[in-house]
């Protein structure tokens, strides 16, 4: 005979209640019925789990071992049931998502219509703050962050990674020439970041290392602004693949110094505070976005 969850529940309830009569109240059974259920369980296991006298019950050594496993099994079953129950509910309510403007425009906005069709009761609020220090202060539920994370108080979920490319428009290269070594970049107009020095360390192999510091001719706080400047022929830029994929495929931007690429990829995470009330909305959005990425 196989042991079932009812057997486990009866055994655990008896232990937690302290007596058969107290357990019978919790289980809605008679005391004799609980006693017979325990006896059947012991018969299935071919061992004694409890030593019972008229005054008290004590667990045998086997009983202690079985109790630990029984609790773990029932806990896992309850967790599985809760997971399915949550998935069957319809996520609803406000969900504020923040991301740097390039990621928002190229990786979130194109999929909003499909997400809304799947989850019509979620009210999306989309914001773009390249640097956000306090999610609560900005009423943000999920922040998509690119690069290294420093705040250990946040829960972080890796979404994907994106390589960095050094790019220029064909018009710029036709007018100013194509650099053949990283050192040649010093003679060109370079497009870089303001207040984000890491963005001005280009992942290129050169004579003294694998990271080339550049001094921008034009600086901007947003990668999308730099992309538009590069498309307008204003210089050479280093940007992530996720925001330049279509430009490269269409020939609007061309890879420069590709033989010097190091293969470095930027990590992309979703960060958020743990909040059970938001967990359903957060999880469905992140699962959807991760599939798209």
C-alpha atoms as a PDB file:
ATOM      1  CA  UNK A   1       0.000   0.000   0.000  1.00  0.00           C
ATOM      2  CA  UNK A   2       1.256   3.471  -0.872  1.00  0.00           C
ATOM      3  CA  UNK A   3       1.452   6.351   1.563  1.00  0.00           C
ATOM      4  CA  UNK A   4      -0.660   9.372   0.601  1.00  0.00           C
ATOM      5  CA  UNK A   5      -0.811  12.995   1.724  1.00  0.00           C
ATOM      6  CA  UNK A   6      -3.710  12.280   4.102  1.00  0.00           C
ATOM      7  CA  UNK A   7      -1.504   9.804   5.978  1.00  0.00           C
ATOM      8  CA  UNK A   8       1.189  12.465   6.319  1.00  0.00           C
ATOM      9  CA  UNK A   9      -1.280  15.140   7.452  1.00  0.00           C
ATOM     10  CA  UNK A  10      -2.748  12.836  10.089  1.00  0.00           C
ATOM     11  CA  UNK A  11       0.659  11.931  11.478  1.00  0.00           C
ATOM     12  CA  UNK A  12       1.887  15.536  11.608  1.00  0.00           C
ATOM     13  CA  UNK A  13      -1.384  16.787  13.144  1.00  0.00           C
ATOM     14  CA  UNK A  14      -1.148  14.178  15.901  1.00  0.00           C
ATOM     15  CA  UNK A  15       2.392  15.250  16.734  1.00  0.00           C
ATOM     16  CA  UNK A  16       1.583  18.964  16.612  1.00  0.00           C
ATOM     17  CA  UNK A  17      -1.626  18.564  18.639  1.00  0.00           C
ATOM     18  CA  UNK A  18      -0.025  16.425  21.341  1.00  0.00           C
ATOM     19  CA  UNK A  19      -2.894  13.974  21.749  1.00  0.00           C
ATOM     20  CA  UNK A  20      -5.149  11.855  19.567  1.00  0.00           C
ATOM     21  CA  UNK A  21      -8.242  13.608  20.848  1.00  0.00           C
ATOM     22  CA  UNK A  22      -6.876  17.071  20.048  1.00  0.00           C
ATOM     23  CA  UNK A  23      -5.809  15.868  16.600  1.00  0.00           C
ATOM     24  CA  UNK A  24      -9.271  14.456  15.960  1.00  0.00           C
ATOM     25  CA  UNK A  25     -10.773  17.922  16.559  1.00  0.00           C
ATOM     26  CA  UNK A  26      -8.393  19.521  14.044  1.00  0.00           C
ATOM     27  CA  UNK A  27      -8.999  16.791  11.482  1.00  0.00           C
ATOM     28  CA  UNK A  28     -12.747  16.579  12.000  1.00  0.00           C
ATOM     29  CA  UNK A  29     -12.576  12.869  12.761  1.00  0.00           C
ATOM     30  CA  UNK A  30     -13.221  10.653  15.715  1.00  0.00           C
ATOM     31  CA  UNK A  31     -10.397   9.785  18.072  1.00  0.00           C
ATOM     32  CA  UNK A  32     -10.718   6.120  17.162  1.00  0.00           C
ATOM     33  CA  UNK A  33     -10.593   7.040  13.478  1.00  0.00           C
ATOM     34  CA  UNK A  34      -7.324   8.955  13.965  1.00  0.00           C
ATOM     35  CA  UNK A  35      -5.887   6.037  15.946  1.00  0.00           C
ATOM     36  CA  UNK A  36      -6.772   3.589  13.149  1.00  0.00           C
ATOM     37  CA  UNK A  37      -5.235   5.941  10.544  1.00  0.00           C
ATOM     38  CA  UNK A  38      -1.964   5.994  12.512  1.00  0.00           C
ATOM     39  CA  UNK A  39      -1.973   2.245  12.793  1.00  0.00           C
ATOM     40  CA  UNK A  40      -2.514   1.884   9.033  1.00  0.00           C
ATOM     41  CA  UNK A  41       0.414   4.238   8.384  1.00  0.00           C
ATOM     42  CA  UNK A  42       2.664   2.195  10.662  1.00  0.00           C
ATOM     43  CA  UNK A  43       1.530  -0.971   8.876  1.00  0.00           C
ATOM     44  CA  UNK A  44       2.442   0.584   5.503  1.00  0.00           C
ATOM     45  CA  UNK A  45       5.883   1.517   6.823  1.00  0.00           C
ATOM     46  CA  UNK A  46       6.291  -1.750   8.718  1.00  0.00           C
ATOM     47  CA  UNK A  47       7.612   0.172  11.720  1.00  0.00           C
ATOM     48  CA  UNK A  48       6.402   1.924  14.857  1.00  0.00           C
ATOM     49  CA  UNK A  49       6.351   5.710  14.708  1.00  0.00           C
ATOM     50  CA  UNK A  50       4.954   6.374  18.171  1.00  0.00           C
ATOM     51  CA  UNK A  51       4.999   4.714  21.546  1.00  0.00           C
ATOM     52  CA  UNK A  52       1.552   5.350  22.996  1.00  0.00           C
ATOM     53  CA  UNK A  53       0.452   5.019  26.612  1.00  0.00           C
ATOM     54  CA  UNK A  54      -2.698   6.212  28.317  1.00  0.00           C
ATOM     55  CA  UNK A  55      -0.866   9.362  29.446  1.00  0.00           C
ATOM     56  CA  UNK A  56       1.458  10.377  26.606  1.00  0.00           C
ATOM     57  CA  UNK A  57       2.922   9.682  23.171  1.00  0.00           C
ATOM     58  CA  UNK A  58       6.563   9.689  22.205  1.00  0.00           C
ATOM     59  CA  UNK A  59       8.186   9.489  18.808  1.00  0.00           C
ATOM     60  CA  UNK A  60      10.396   6.523  18.114  1.00  0.00           C
ATOM     61  CA  UNK A  61      13.724   7.063  16.339  1.00  0.00           C
ATOM     62  CA  UNK A  62      12.033   6.100  13.093  1.00  0.00           C
ATOM     63  CA  UNK A  63       9.203   8.469  13.959  1.00  0.00           C
ATOM     64  CA  UNK A  64      11.600  11.406  14.272  1.00  0.00           C
ATOM     65  CA  UNK A  65      13.118  10.642  10.867  1.00  0.00           C
ATOM     66  CA  UNK A  66       9.723  10.204   9.229  1.00  0.00           C
ATOM     67  CA  UNK A  67       8.347  13.411  10.762  1.00  0.00           C
ATOM     68  CA  UNK A  68      11.168  15.478   9.224  1.00  0.00           C
ATOM     69  CA  UNK A  69      10.583  14.001   5.776  1.00  0.00           C
ATOM     70  CA  UNK A  70       6.801  14.258   6.075  1.00  0.00           C
ATOM     71  CA  UNK A  71       6.982  17.971   6.873  1.00  0.00           C
ATOM     72  CA  UNK A  72       9.279  18.555   3.885  1.00  0.00           C
ATOM     73  CA  UNK A  73       6.993  16.630   1.540  1.00  0.00           C
ATOM     74  CA  UNK A  74       3.838  18.428   2.642  1.00  0.00           C
ATOM     75  CA  UNK A  75       5.630  21.773   2.487  1.00  0.00           C
ATOM     76  CA  UNK A  76       6.700  21.103  -1.092  1.00  0.00           C
ATOM     77  CA  UNK A  77       3.160  20.053  -2.029  1.00  0.00           C
ATOM     78  CA  UNK A  78       1.681  23.215  -0.530  1.00  0.00           C
ATOM     79  CA  UNK A  79       4.245  25.362  -2.347  1.00  0.00           C
ATOM     80  CA  UNK A  80       3.403  23.655  -5.640  1.00  0.00           C
ATOM     81  CA  UNK A  81      -0.318  24.166  -5.088  1.00  0.00           C
ATOM     82  CA  UNK A  82       0.242  27.840  -4.259  1.00  0.00           C
ATOM     83  CA  UNK A  83       2.306  28.329  -7.412  1.00  0.00           C
ATOM     84  CA  UNK A  84      -0.434  26.883  -9.597  1.00  0.00           C
ATOM     85  CA  UNK A  85      -3.140  28.817  -7.765  1.00  0.00           C
ATOM     86  CA  UNK A  86      -1.289  32.106  -8.337  1.00  0.00           C
ATOM     87  CA  UNK A  87      -0.728  31.325 -12.015  1.00  0.00           C
ATOM     88  CA  UNK A  88      -4.454  30.687 -12.493  1.00  0.00           C
ATOM     89  CA  UNK A  89      -5.351  34.070 -11.067  1.00  0.00           C
ATOM     90  CA  UNK A  90      -5.442  37.072 -13.356  1.00  0.00           C
ATOM     91  CA  UNK A  91      -2.694  39.550 -12.497  1.00  0.00           C
ATOM     92  CA  UNK A  92      -4.152  43.024 -12.062  1.00  0.00           C
ATOM     93  CA  UNK A  93      -3.247  46.491 -10.873  1.00  0.00           C
ATOM     94  CA  UNK A  94      -0.558  49.100 -11.440  1.00  0.00           C
ATOM     95  CA  UNK A  95       2.941  48.075 -12.494  1.00  0.00           C
ATOM     96  CA  UNK A  96       5.562  50.793 -12.900  1.00  0.00           C
ATOM     97  CA  UNK A  97       8.582  49.796 -14.977  1.00  0.00           C
ATOM     98  CA  UNK A  98      11.651  51.987 -15.272  1.00  0.00           C
ATOM     99  CA  UNK A  99      14.468  51.561 -17.787  1.00  0.00           C
ATOM    100  CA  UNK A 100      17.068  53.665 -19.534  1.00  0.00           C
ATOM    101  CA  UNK A 101      15.490  55.214 -22.619  1.00  0.00           C
ATOM    102  CA  UNK A 102      17.342  53.038 -25.189  1.00  0.00           C
ATOM    103  CA  UNK A 103      16.219  49.822 -23.509  1.00  0.00           C
ATOM    104  CA  UNK A 104      12.706  51.152 -23.053  1.00  0.00           C
ATOM    105  CA  UNK A 105      12.412  52.191 -26.704  1.00  0.00           C
ATOM    106  CA  UNK A 106      14.054  49.144 -28.278  1.00  0.00           C
ATOM    107  CA  UNK A 107      13.227  46.276 -25.909  1.00  0.00           C
ATOM    108  CA  UNK A 108      10.026  47.182 -24.031  1.00  0.00           C
ATOM    109  CA  UNK A 109       7.850  49.459 -26.169  1.00  0.00           C
ATOM    110  CA  UNK A 110       7.771  47.119 -29.209  1.00  0.00           C
ATOM    111  CA  UNK A 111       6.190  44.388 -27.047  1.00  0.00           C
ATOM    112  CA  UNK A 112       3.714  46.439 -25.008  1.00  0.00           C
ATOM    113  CA  UNK A 113       0.745  45.652 -27.256  1.00  0.00           C
ATOM    114  CA  UNK A 114       1.276  41.912 -26.906  1.00  0.00           C
ATOM    115  CA  UNK A 115       1.741  42.171 -23.139  1.00  0.00           C
ATOM    116  CA  UNK A 116      -1.461  44.180 -22.749  1.00  0.00           C
ATOM    117  CA  UNK A 117      -3.363  41.629 -24.796  1.00  0.00           C
ATOM    118  CA  UNK A 118      -2.128  38.878 -22.477  1.00  0.00           C
ATOM    119  CA  UNK A 119      -2.657  40.842 -19.229  1.00  0.00           C
ATOM    120  CA  UNK A 120      -5.392  43.421 -19.863  1.00  0.00           C
ATOM    121  CA  UNK A 121      -5.923  44.120 -16.146  1.00  0.00           C
ATOM    122  CA  UNK A 122      -2.349  45.301 -15.537  1.00  0.00           C
ATOM    123  CA  UNK A 123      -1.967  49.075 -15.824  1.00  0.00           C
ATOM    124  CA  UNK A 124       1.541  49.727 -17.123  1.00  0.00           C
ATOM    125  CA  UNK A 125       3.423  52.892 -16.193  1.00  0.00           C
ATOM    126  CA  UNK A 126       6.684  53.279 -18.115  1.00  0.00           C
ATOM    127  CA  UNK A 127       9.411  55.696 -17.084  1.00  0.00           C
ATOM    128  CA  UNK A 128      12.975  56.369 -18.201  1.00  0.00           C
ATOM    129  CA  UNK A 129      15.447  57.459 -15.546  1.00  0.00           C
ATOM    130  CA  UNK A 130      18.984  56.482 -16.472  1.00  0.00           C
ATOM    131  CA  UNK A 131      20.020  56.714 -12.827  1.00  0.00           C
ATOM    132  CA  UNK A 132      17.515  55.889 -10.100  1.00  0.00           C
ATOM    133  CA  UNK A 133      18.656  55.640  -6.500  1.00  0.00           C
ATOM    134  CA  UNK A 134      15.427  54.792  -4.688  1.00  0.00           C
ATOM    135  CA  UNK A 135      12.732  52.661  -6.281  1.00  0.00           C
ATOM    136  CA  UNK A 136      10.235  53.470  -3.543  1.00  0.00           C
ATOM    137  CA  UNK A 137      10.797  57.216  -3.864  1.00  0.00           C
ATOM    138  CA  UNK A 138      10.099  57.010  -7.587  1.00  0.00           C
ATOM    139  CA  UNK A 139       7.137  54.631  -7.108  1.00  0.00           C
ATOM    140  CA  UNK A 140       8.925  52.092  -9.306  1.00  0.00           C
ATOM    141  CA  UNK A 141       8.118  48.395  -9.091  1.00  0.00           C
ATOM    142  CA  UNK A 142      10.718  47.090 -11.557  1.00  0.00           C
ATOM    143  CA  UNK A 143      13.874  48.819 -12.767  1.00  0.00           C
ATOM    144  CA  UNK A 144      15.826  47.437 -15.705  1.00  0.00           C
ATOM    145  CA  UNK A 145      19.487  48.150 -15.136  1.00  0.00           C
ATOM    146  CA  UNK A 146      22.408  47.662 -17.499  1.00  0.00           C
ATOM    147  CA  UNK A 147      25.878  46.917 -16.153  1.00  0.00           C
ATOM    148  CA  UNK A 148      27.164  46.095 -12.679  1.00  0.00           C
ATOM    149  CA  UNK A 149      24.770  46.262  -9.726  1.00  0.00           C
ATOM    150  CA  UNK A 150      25.768  47.704  -6.364  1.00  0.00           C
ATOM    151  CA  UNK A 151      22.603  47.755  -4.216  1.00  0.00           C
ATOM    152  CA  UNK A 152      22.397  44.482  -2.289  1.00  0.00           C
ATOM    153  CA  UNK A 153      19.028  45.426  -0.740  1.00  0.00           C
ATOM    154  CA  UNK A 154      17.341  44.828  -4.094  1.00  0.00           C
ATOM    155  CA  UNK A 155      16.345  41.504  -5.560  1.00  0.00           C
ATOM    156  CA  UNK A 156      18.040  41.159  -8.956  1.00  0.00           C
ATOM    157  CA  UNK A 157      17.001  38.877 -11.777  1.00  0.00           C
ATOM    158  CA  UNK A 158      19.327  38.495 -14.784  1.00  0.00           C
ATOM    159  CA  UNK A 159      17.431  39.022 -18.033  1.00  0.00           C
ATOM    160  CA  UNK A 160      20.053  38.837 -20.761  1.00  0.00           C
ATOM    161  CA  UNK A 161      23.396  40.248 -21.848  1.00  0.00           C
ATOM    162  CA  UNK A 162      24.299  42.407 -24.816  1.00  0.00           C
ATOM    163  CA  UNK A 163      27.643  42.832 -26.608  1.00  0.00           C
ATOM    164  CA  UNK A 164      29.056  46.294 -27.244  1.00  0.00           C
ATOM    165  CA  UNK A 165      29.960  47.392 -30.771  1.00  0.00           C
ATOM    166  CA  UNK A 166      32.013  50.315 -32.046  1.00  0.00           C
ATOM    167  CA  UNK A 167      29.964  51.832 -34.868  1.00  0.00           C
ATOM    168  CA  UNK A 168      29.784  54.633 -37.358  1.00  0.00           C
ATOM    169  CA  UNK A 169      27.554  55.590 -40.257  1.00  0.00           C
ATOM    170  CA  UNK A 170      28.763  54.876 -43.811  1.00  0.00           C
ATOM    171  CA  UNK A 171      28.514  58.629 -44.487  1.00  0.00           C
ATOM    172  CA  UNK A 172      30.889  59.448 -41.642  1.00  0.00           C
ATOM    173  CA  UNK A 173      33.413  56.839 -42.759  1.00  0.00           C
ATOM    174  CA  UNK A 174      33.220  57.996 -46.352  1.00  0.00           C
ATOM    175  CA  UNK A 175      34.000  61.555 -45.285  1.00  0.00           C
ATOM    176  CA  UNK A 176      36.567  60.940 -42.549  1.00  0.00           C
ATOM    177  CA  UNK A 177      38.031  57.541 -43.349  1.00  0.00           C
ATOM    178  CA  UNK A 178      37.907  54.233 -41.506  1.00  0.00           C
ATOM    179  CA  UNK A 179      40.190  53.713 -38.466  1.00  0.00           C
ATOM    180  CA  UNK A 180      42.326  50.585 -38.775  1.00  0.00           C
ATOM    181  CA  UNK A 181      43.712  50.470 -35.231  1.00  0.00           C
ATOM    182  CA  UNK A 182      42.314  51.602 -31.879  1.00  0.00           C
ATOM    183  CA  UNK A 183      45.023  54.263 -31.791  1.00  0.00           C
ATOM    184  CA  UNK A 184      43.551  55.771 -34.994  1.00  0.00           C
ATOM    185  CA  UNK A 185      40.433  56.756 -33.013  1.00  0.00           C
ATOM    186  CA  UNK A 186      42.331  59.707 -31.561  1.00  0.00           C
ATOM    187  CA  UNK A 187      42.043  61.352 -34.993  1.00  0.00           C
ATOM    188  CA  UNK A 188      38.266  60.945 -35.166  1.00  0.00           C
ATOM    189  CA  UNK A 189      35.149  62.525 -33.726  1.00  0.00           C
ATOM    190  CA  UNK A 190      34.044  60.251 -30.881  1.00  0.00           C
ATOM    191  CA  UNK A 191      30.603  60.129 -29.288  1.00  0.00           C
ATOM    192  CA  UNK A 192      30.505  59.276 -25.582  1.00  0.00           C
ATOM    193  CA  UNK A 193      28.693  59.597 -22.309  1.00  0.00           C
ATOM    194  CA  UNK A 194      28.582  62.404 -19.804  1.00  0.00           C
ATOM    195  CA  UNK A 195      28.525  61.425 -16.094  1.00  0.00           C
ATOM    196  CA  UNK A 196      29.064  57.771 -17.009  1.00  0.00           C
ATOM    197  CA  UNK A 197      32.792  57.208 -17.326  1.00  0.00           C
ATOM    198  CA  UNK A 198      32.427  53.446 -17.698  1.00  0.00           C
ATOM    199  CA  UNK A 199      30.622  54.122 -20.965  1.00  0.00           C
ATOM    200  CA  UNK A 200      33.766  55.834 -22.243  1.00  0.00           C
ATOM    201  CA  UNK A 201      35.875  52.723 -21.717  1.00  0.00           C
ATOM    202  CA  UNK A 202      35.508  50.929 -25.028  1.00  0.00           C
ATOM    203  CA  UNK A 203      36.112  47.148 -25.057  1.00  0.00           C
ATOM    204  CA  UNK A 204      38.866  47.106 -27.677  1.00  0.00           C
ATOM    205  CA  UNK A 205      42.146  45.205 -27.592  1.00  0.00           C
ATOM    206  CA  UNK A 206      45.050  47.612 -28.018  1.00  0.00           C
ATOM    207  CA  UNK A 207      48.733  47.853 -27.234  1.00  0.00           C
ATOM    208  CA  UNK A 208      48.336  48.184 -23.466  1.00  0.00           C
ATOM    209  CA  UNK A 209      45.136  46.349 -22.633  1.00  0.00           C
ATOM    210  CA  UNK A 210      41.568  45.349 -23.434  1.00  0.00           C
ATOM    211  CA  UNK A 211      39.791  48.567 -22.456  1.00  0.00           C
ATOM    212  CA  UNK A 212      40.409  51.769 -24.369  1.00  0.00           C
ATOM    213  CA  UNK A 213      39.591  55.068 -22.590  1.00  0.00           C
ATOM    214  CA  UNK A 214      38.248  57.657 -25.030  1.00  0.00           C
ATOM    215  CA  UNK A 215      37.675  61.389 -24.814  1.00  0.00           C
ATOM    216  CA  UNK A 216      34.367  62.225 -26.507  1.00  0.00           C
ATOM    217  CA  UNK A 217      34.071  65.077 -28.985  1.00  0.00           C
ATOM    218  CA  UNK A 218      30.344  65.114 -28.193  1.00  0.00           C
ATOM    219  CA  UNK A 219      28.922  63.807 -24.909  1.00  0.00           C
ATOM    220  CA  UNK A 220      25.334  62.929 -24.003  1.00  0.00           C
ATOM    221  CA  UNK A 221      23.607  61.371 -21.014  1.00  0.00           C
ATOM    222  CA  UNK A 222      21.463  59.018 -23.097  1.00  0.00           C
ATOM    223  CA  UNK A 223      22.591  56.200 -25.342  1.00  0.00           C
ATOM    224  CA  UNK A 224      19.646  56.928 -27.613  1.00  0.00           C
ATOM    225  CA  UNK A 225      20.931  60.468 -28.167  1.00  0.00           C
ATOM    226  CA  UNK A 226      24.343  59.056 -29.066  1.00  0.00           C
ATOM    227  CA  UNK A 227      22.720  56.600 -31.464  1.00  0.00           C
ATOM    228  CA  UNK A 228      20.913  59.420 -33.250  1.00  0.00           C
ATOM    229  CA  UNK A 229      24.146  61.426 -33.454  1.00  0.00           C
ATOM    230  CA  UNK A 230      25.939  58.451 -34.980  1.00  0.00           C
ATOM    231  CA  UNK A 231      23.130  57.954 -37.501  1.00  0.00           C
ATOM    232  CA  UNK A 232      23.489  61.650 -38.397  1.00  0.00           C
ATOM    233  CA  UNK A 233      27.160  61.106 -39.224  1.00  0.00           C
ATOM    234  CA  UNK A 234      28.542  63.025 -36.243  1.00  0.00           C
ATOM    235  CA  UNK A 235      31.115  60.481 -35.166  1.00  0.00           C
ATOM    236  CA  UNK A 236      32.057  57.004 -33.969  1.00  0.00           C
ATOM    237  CA  UNK A 237      30.153  55.510 -31.031  1.00  0.00           C
ATOM    238  CA  UNK A 238      30.237  52.449 -28.786  1.00  0.00           C
ATOM    239  CA  UNK A 239      26.744  51.118 -28.069  1.00  0.00           C
ATOM    240  CA  UNK A 240      24.971  47.915 -27.096  1.00  0.00           C
ATOM    241  CA  UNK A 241      23.758  45.439 -29.675  1.00  0.00           C
ATOM    242  CA  UNK A 242      20.176  45.505 -28.397  1.00  0.00           C
ATOM    243  CA  UNK A 243      19.718  49.131 -29.518  1.00  0.00           C
ATOM    244  CA  UNK A 244      21.708  48.996 -32.756  1.00  0.00           C
ATOM    245  CA  UNK A 245      20.749  45.577 -34.133  1.00  0.00           C
ATOM    246  CA  UNK A 246      18.300  46.955 -36.704  1.00  0.00           C
ATOM    247  CA  UNK A 247      20.656  49.774 -37.726  1.00  0.00           C
ATOM    248  CA  UNK A 248      23.445  47.291 -38.422  1.00  0.00           C
ATOM    249  CA  UNK A 249      21.147  44.954 -40.352  1.00  0.00           C
ATOM    250  CA  UNK A 250      19.884  47.870 -42.478  1.00  0.00           C
ATOM    251  CA  UNK A 251      23.391  49.226 -43.068  1.00  0.00           C
ATOM    252  CA  UNK A 252      22.682  52.520 -41.322  1.00  0.00           C
ATOM    253  CA  UNK A 253      25.570  51.803 -38.942  1.00  0.00           C
ATOM    254  CA  UNK A 254      28.731  49.841 -39.696  1.00  0.00           C
ATOM    255  CA  UNK A 255      30.989  47.990 -37.258  1.00  0.00           C
ATOM    256  CA  UNK A 256      34.417  49.557 -36.849  1.00  0.00           C
ATOM    257  CA  UNK A 257      37.560  47.777 -35.601  1.00  0.00           C
ATOM    258  CA  UNK A 258      35.650  44.484 -35.276  1.00  0.00           C
ATOM    259  CA  UNK A 259      38.898  42.476 -35.188  1.00  0.00           C
ATOM    260  CA  UNK A 260      39.788  44.283 -31.952  1.00  0.00           C
ATOM    261  CA  UNK A 261      36.540  43.468 -30.123  1.00  0.00           C
ATOM    262  CA  UNK A 262      37.108  41.692 -26.811  1.00  0.00           C
ATOM    263  CA  UNK A 263      33.732  39.935 -26.689  1.00  0.00           C
ATOM    264  CA  UNK A 264      32.656  41.921 -23.638  1.00  0.00           C
ATOM    265  CA  UNK A 265      28.915  41.847 -22.948  1.00  0.00           C
ATOM    266  CA  UNK A 266      26.885  44.140 -20.698  1.00  0.00           C
ATOM    267  CA  UNK A 267      24.733  42.317 -18.178  1.00  0.00           C
ATOM    268  CA  UNK A 268      21.085  43.367 -18.007  1.00  0.00           C
ATOM    269  CA  UNK A 269      19.137  42.828 -14.777  1.00  0.00           C
ATOM    270  CA  UNK A 270      15.691  43.550 -13.450  1.00  0.00           C
ATOM    271  CA  UNK A 271      15.829  44.851  -9.882  1.00  0.00           C
ATOM    272  CA  UNK A 272      12.955  45.192  -7.436  1.00  0.00           C
ATOM    273  CA  UNK A 273      12.071  44.994  -3.775  1.00  0.00           C
ATOM    274  CA  UNK A 274      10.493  41.779  -2.590  1.00  0.00           C
ATOM    275  CA  UNK A 275       6.785  42.391  -2.210  1.00  0.00           C
ATOM    276  CA  UNK A 276       4.276  39.556  -2.149  1.00  0.00           C
ATOM    277  CA  UNK A 277       1.444  41.806  -3.285  1.00  0.00           C
ATOM    278  CA  UNK A 278       3.398  42.711  -6.424  1.00  0.00           C
ATOM    279  CA  UNK A 279       5.005  39.315  -6.972  1.00  0.00           C
ATOM    280  CA  UNK A 280       2.410  38.133  -9.475  1.00  0.00           C
ATOM    281  CA  UNK A 281       2.573  41.254 -11.639  1.00  0.00           C
ATOM    282  CA  UNK A 282       6.361  41.347 -11.452  1.00  0.00           C
ATOM    283  CA  UNK A 283       6.838  37.694 -12.307  1.00  0.00           C
ATOM    284  CA  UNK A 284       4.476  37.712 -15.293  1.00  0.00           C
ATOM    285  CA  UNK A 285       6.133  40.836 -16.730  1.00  0.00           C
ATOM    286  CA  UNK A 286       9.668  39.521 -16.252  1.00  0.00           C
ATOM    287  CA  UNK A 287       8.836  36.108 -17.690  1.00  0.00           C
ATOM    288  CA  UNK A 288       7.241  37.797 -20.714  1.00  0.00           C
ATOM    289  CA  UNK A 289      10.180  40.198 -21.221  1.00  0.00           C
ATOM    290  CA  UNK A 290      12.787  37.480 -20.798  1.00  0.00           C
ATOM    291  CA  UNK A 291      11.123  35.439 -23.539  1.00  0.00           C
ATOM    292  CA  UNK A 292      11.261  38.433 -25.856  1.00  0.00           C
ATOM    293  CA  UNK A 293      14.913  39.106 -25.091  1.00  0.00           C
END
